[in-house]
């Protein structure tokens, strides 16, 4: 499992778990596929911010392999 804090690890169409702004206190993860990478810097300590294909926006906590569901 790759580090969600490095922009270079995240790809458009990649399968990820993110934490939504509303879920930051609980740490509840939302699974989906990356539509757009929103963070411009190469590293962010809390995770790179992305928009999923569903329109949800959050920070990447886990990068999933294609076989993980």
N, C-alpha and C. Protein backbone atom coordinates (compact mmCIF):
# COMPACT_ATOMS: atom_id res chain seq x y z
N UNK A 1 0.85 -1.18 0.00
CA UNK A 1 0.00 0.00 0.00
C UNK A 1 0.90 1.24 0.00
N UNK A 2 0.70 2.13 -0.97
CA UNK A 2 1.53 3.32 -1.10
C UNK A 2 1.07 4.43 -0.17
N UNK A 3 1.96 5.40 -0.01
CA UNK A 3 1.74 6.53 0.87
C UNK A 3 0.86 7.59 0.19
N UNK A 4 -0.28 7.93 0.79
CA UNK A 4 -1.19 8.93 0.24
C UNK A 4 -0.74 10.36 0.46
N UNK A 5 0.43 10.54 1.09
CA UNK A 5 0.94 11.89 1.32
C UNK A 5 1.83 12.38 0.18
N UNK A 6 2.20 11.47 -0.73
CA UNK A 6 3.05 11.83 -1.87
C UNK A 6 2.21 11.91 -3.14
N UNK A 7 2.24 13.06 -3.81
CA UNK A 7 1.45 13.26 -5.02
C UNK A 7 1.84 12.27 -6.12
N UNK A 8 3.11 11.92 -6.20
CA UNK A 8 3.60 11.03 -7.25
C UNK A 8 3.01 9.62 -7.15
N UNK A 9 2.50 9.23 -5.98
CA UNK A 9 1.91 7.90 -5.79
C UNK A 9 0.46 7.82 -6.27
N UNK A 10 -0.15 8.98 -6.53
CA UNK A 10 -1.59 9.03 -6.83
C UNK A 10 -1.79 9.25 -8.33
N UNK A 11 -2.63 8.45 -8.92
CA UNK A 11 -2.89 8.52 -10.36
C UNK A 11 -4.38 8.76 -10.62
N UNK A 12 -4.67 9.48 -11.70
CA UNK A 12 -6.06 9.65 -12.13
C UNK A 12 -6.62 8.25 -12.43
N UNK A 13 -7.81 7.97 -11.91
CA UNK A 13 -8.41 6.65 -12.08
C UNK A 13 -7.96 5.65 -11.04
N UNK A 14 -7.06 6.06 -10.14
CA UNK A 14 -6.56 5.18 -9.09
C UNK A 14 -7.62 4.89 -8.04
N UNK A 15 -7.54 3.72 -7.44
CA UNK A 15 -8.49 3.26 -6.42
C UNK A 15 -7.92 3.64 -5.05
N UNK A 16 -8.67 4.46 -4.29
CA UNK A 16 -8.17 5.00 -3.03
C UNK A 16 -9.24 5.00 -1.94
N UNK A 17 -8.78 5.15 -0.71
CA UNK A 17 -9.64 5.48 0.43
C UNK A 17 -9.28 6.89 0.85
N UNK A 18 -10.30 7.74 0.99
CA UNK A 18 -10.07 9.11 1.44
C UNK A 18 -10.85 9.37 2.72
N UNK A 19 -10.44 10.43 3.42
CA UNK A 19 -11.23 10.90 4.55
C UNK A 19 -11.83 12.24 4.13
N UNK A 20 -13.16 12.32 4.19
CA UNK A 20 -13.86 13.55 3.85
C UNK A 20 -13.70 14.56 4.98
N UNK A 21 -13.83 15.85 4.65
CA UNK A 21 -13.70 16.91 5.67
C UNK A 21 -14.65 16.64 6.85
N UNK A 22 -15.87 16.25 6.55
CA UNK A 22 -16.88 15.99 7.59
C UNK A 22 -16.52 14.79 8.46
N UNK A 23 -15.67 13.90 7.95
CA UNK A 23 -15.31 12.67 8.67
C UNK A 23 -13.94 12.74 9.33
N UNK A 24 -13.30 13.92 9.34
CA UNK A 24 -11.95 14.01 9.89
C UNK A 24 -11.89 13.62 11.37
N UNK A 25 -12.92 13.96 12.13
CA UNK A 25 -12.91 13.62 13.56
C UNK A 25 -13.00 12.11 13.79
N UNK A 26 -13.84 11.45 13.00
CA UNK A 26 -14.04 10.01 13.19
C UNK A 26 -13.01 9.19 12.42
N UNK A 27 -12.45 9.77 11.36
CA UNK A 27 -11.49 9.04 10.54
C UNK A 27 -12.14 8.04 9.59
N UNK A 28 -13.47 8.13 9.43
CA UNK A 28 -14.19 7.21 8.54
C UNK A 28 -13.69 7.40 7.11
N UNK A 29 -13.42 6.28 6.44
CA UNK A 29 -12.87 6.32 5.09
C UNK A 29 -13.97 6.13 4.04
N UNK A 30 -13.77 6.79 2.90
CA UNK A 30 -14.67 6.67 1.75
C UNK A 30 -13.85 6.12 0.59
N UNK A 31 -14.34 5.06 -0.01
CA UNK A 31 -13.62 4.40 -1.10
C UNK A 31 -14.09 4.93 -2.45
N UNK A 32 -13.16 5.06 -3.39
CA UNK A 32 -13.55 5.50 -4.72
C UNK A 32 -12.36 5.58 -5.66
N UNK A 33 -12.64 6.15 -6.84
CA UNK A 33 -11.62 6.28 -7.89
C UNK A 33 -11.35 7.75 -8.14
N UNK A 34 -10.08 8.10 -8.27
CA UNK A 34 -9.64 9.49 -8.40
C UNK A 34 -10.05 10.07 -9.75
N UNK A 35 -10.78 11.19 -9.70
CA UNK A 35 -11.13 11.92 -10.92
C UNK A 35 -10.13 13.06 -11.16
N UNK A 36 -9.72 13.74 -10.06
CA UNK A 36 -8.81 14.88 -10.20
C UNK A 36 -7.97 15.00 -8.93
N UNK A 37 -6.70 15.33 -9.11
CA UNK A 37 -5.80 15.60 -7.98
C UNK A 37 -5.83 17.10 -7.73
N UNK A 38 -6.21 17.51 -6.52
CA UNK A 38 -6.40 18.92 -6.22
C UNK A 38 -5.19 19.58 -5.56
N UNK A 39 -4.38 18.82 -4.84
CA UNK A 39 -3.19 19.38 -4.19
C UNK A 39 -2.10 19.59 -5.23
N UNK A 40 -1.52 20.79 -5.25
CA UNK A 40 -0.48 21.11 -6.24
C UNK A 40 0.91 20.70 -5.76
N UNK A 41 1.15 20.71 -4.46
CA UNK A 41 2.49 20.38 -3.94
C UNK A 41 2.76 18.88 -4.04
N UNK A 42 4.04 18.51 -4.01
CA UNK A 42 4.41 17.10 -4.17
C UNK A 42 4.18 16.28 -2.90
N UNK A 43 3.99 16.95 -1.76
CA UNK A 43 3.81 16.25 -0.48
C UNK A 43 2.86 17.05 0.40
N UNK A 44 2.00 16.36 1.14
CA UNK A 44 1.16 17.01 2.15
C UNK A 44 1.08 16.07 3.35
N UNK A 45 1.38 16.57 4.56
CA UNK A 45 1.44 15.70 5.74
C UNK A 45 0.13 15.00 6.10
N UNK A 46 -1.00 15.56 5.68
CA UNK A 46 -2.30 14.95 6.01
C UNK A 46 -2.90 14.16 4.84
N UNK A 47 -2.18 14.11 3.72
CA UNK A 47 -2.67 13.39 2.54
C UNK A 47 -2.98 14.34 1.41
N UNK A 48 -2.78 13.88 0.20
CA UNK A 48 -3.05 14.66 -1.00
C UNK A 48 -4.57 14.77 -1.18
N UNK A 49 -5.05 15.98 -1.46
CA UNK A 49 -6.48 16.19 -1.64
C UNK A 49 -6.88 15.84 -3.08
N UNK A 50 -7.95 15.03 -3.20
CA UNK A 50 -8.44 14.60 -4.50
C UNK A 50 -9.96 14.72 -4.58
N UNK A 51 -10.47 14.71 -5.81
CA UNK A 51 -11.91 14.59 -6.05
C UNK A 51 -12.14 13.22 -6.64
N UNK A 52 -13.09 12.49 -6.06
CA UNK A 52 -13.44 11.17 -6.58
C UNK A 52 -14.42 11.32 -7.74
N UNK A 53 -14.62 10.24 -8.49
CA UNK A 53 -15.57 10.24 -9.61
C UNK A 53 -16.99 10.55 -9.15
N UNK A 54 -17.27 10.34 -7.86
CA UNK A 54 -18.60 10.63 -7.29
C UNK A 54 -18.76 12.11 -6.96
N UNK A 55 -17.65 12.88 -7.05
CA UNK A 55 -17.70 14.30 -6.72
C UNK A 55 -17.25 14.60 -5.29
N UNK A 56 -17.05 13.56 -4.49
CA UNK A 56 -16.61 13.76 -3.11
C UNK A 56 -15.14 14.19 -3.09
N UNK A 57 -14.82 15.09 -2.15
CA UNK A 57 -13.46 15.62 -2.03
C UNK A 57 -12.92 15.28 -0.64
N UNK A 58 -11.68 14.79 -0.63
CA UNK A 58 -11.05 14.48 0.65
C UNK A 58 -9.57 14.18 0.46
N UNK A 59 -8.92 13.86 1.56
CA UNK A 59 -7.49 13.57 1.54
C UNK A 59 -7.23 12.07 1.51
N UNK A 60 -6.30 11.66 0.66
CA UNK A 60 -5.99 10.24 0.47
C UNK A 60 -5.31 9.69 1.73
N UNK A 61 -5.88 8.63 2.28
CA UNK A 61 -5.31 7.94 3.43
C UNK A 61 -4.70 6.61 3.03
N UNK A 62 -5.28 5.97 2.00
CA UNK A 62 -4.78 4.68 1.52
C UNK A 62 -4.90 4.62 0.01
N UNK A 63 -3.87 4.09 -0.62
CA UNK A 63 -3.92 3.81 -2.05
C UNK A 63 -4.11 2.30 -2.18
N UNK A 64 -5.21 1.90 -2.78
CA UNK A 64 -5.56 0.49 -2.86
C UNK A 64 -5.04 -0.10 -4.17
N UNK A 65 -4.68 -1.36 -4.11
CA UNK A 65 -4.30 -2.07 -5.33
C UNK A 65 -5.59 -2.41 -6.07
N UNK A 66 -5.50 -2.66 -7.37
CA UNK A 66 -6.68 -2.94 -8.18
C UNK A 66 -7.51 -4.11 -7.64
N UNK A 67 -6.84 -5.09 -7.02
CA UNK A 67 -7.54 -6.27 -6.52
C UNK A 67 -8.23 -6.08 -5.19
N UNK A 68 -7.95 -4.98 -4.49
CA UNK A 68 -8.54 -4.77 -3.15
C UNK A 68 -9.89 -4.08 -3.27
N UNK A 69 -10.91 -4.70 -2.65
CA UNK A 69 -12.24 -4.08 -2.63
C UNK A 69 -12.85 -4.27 -1.27
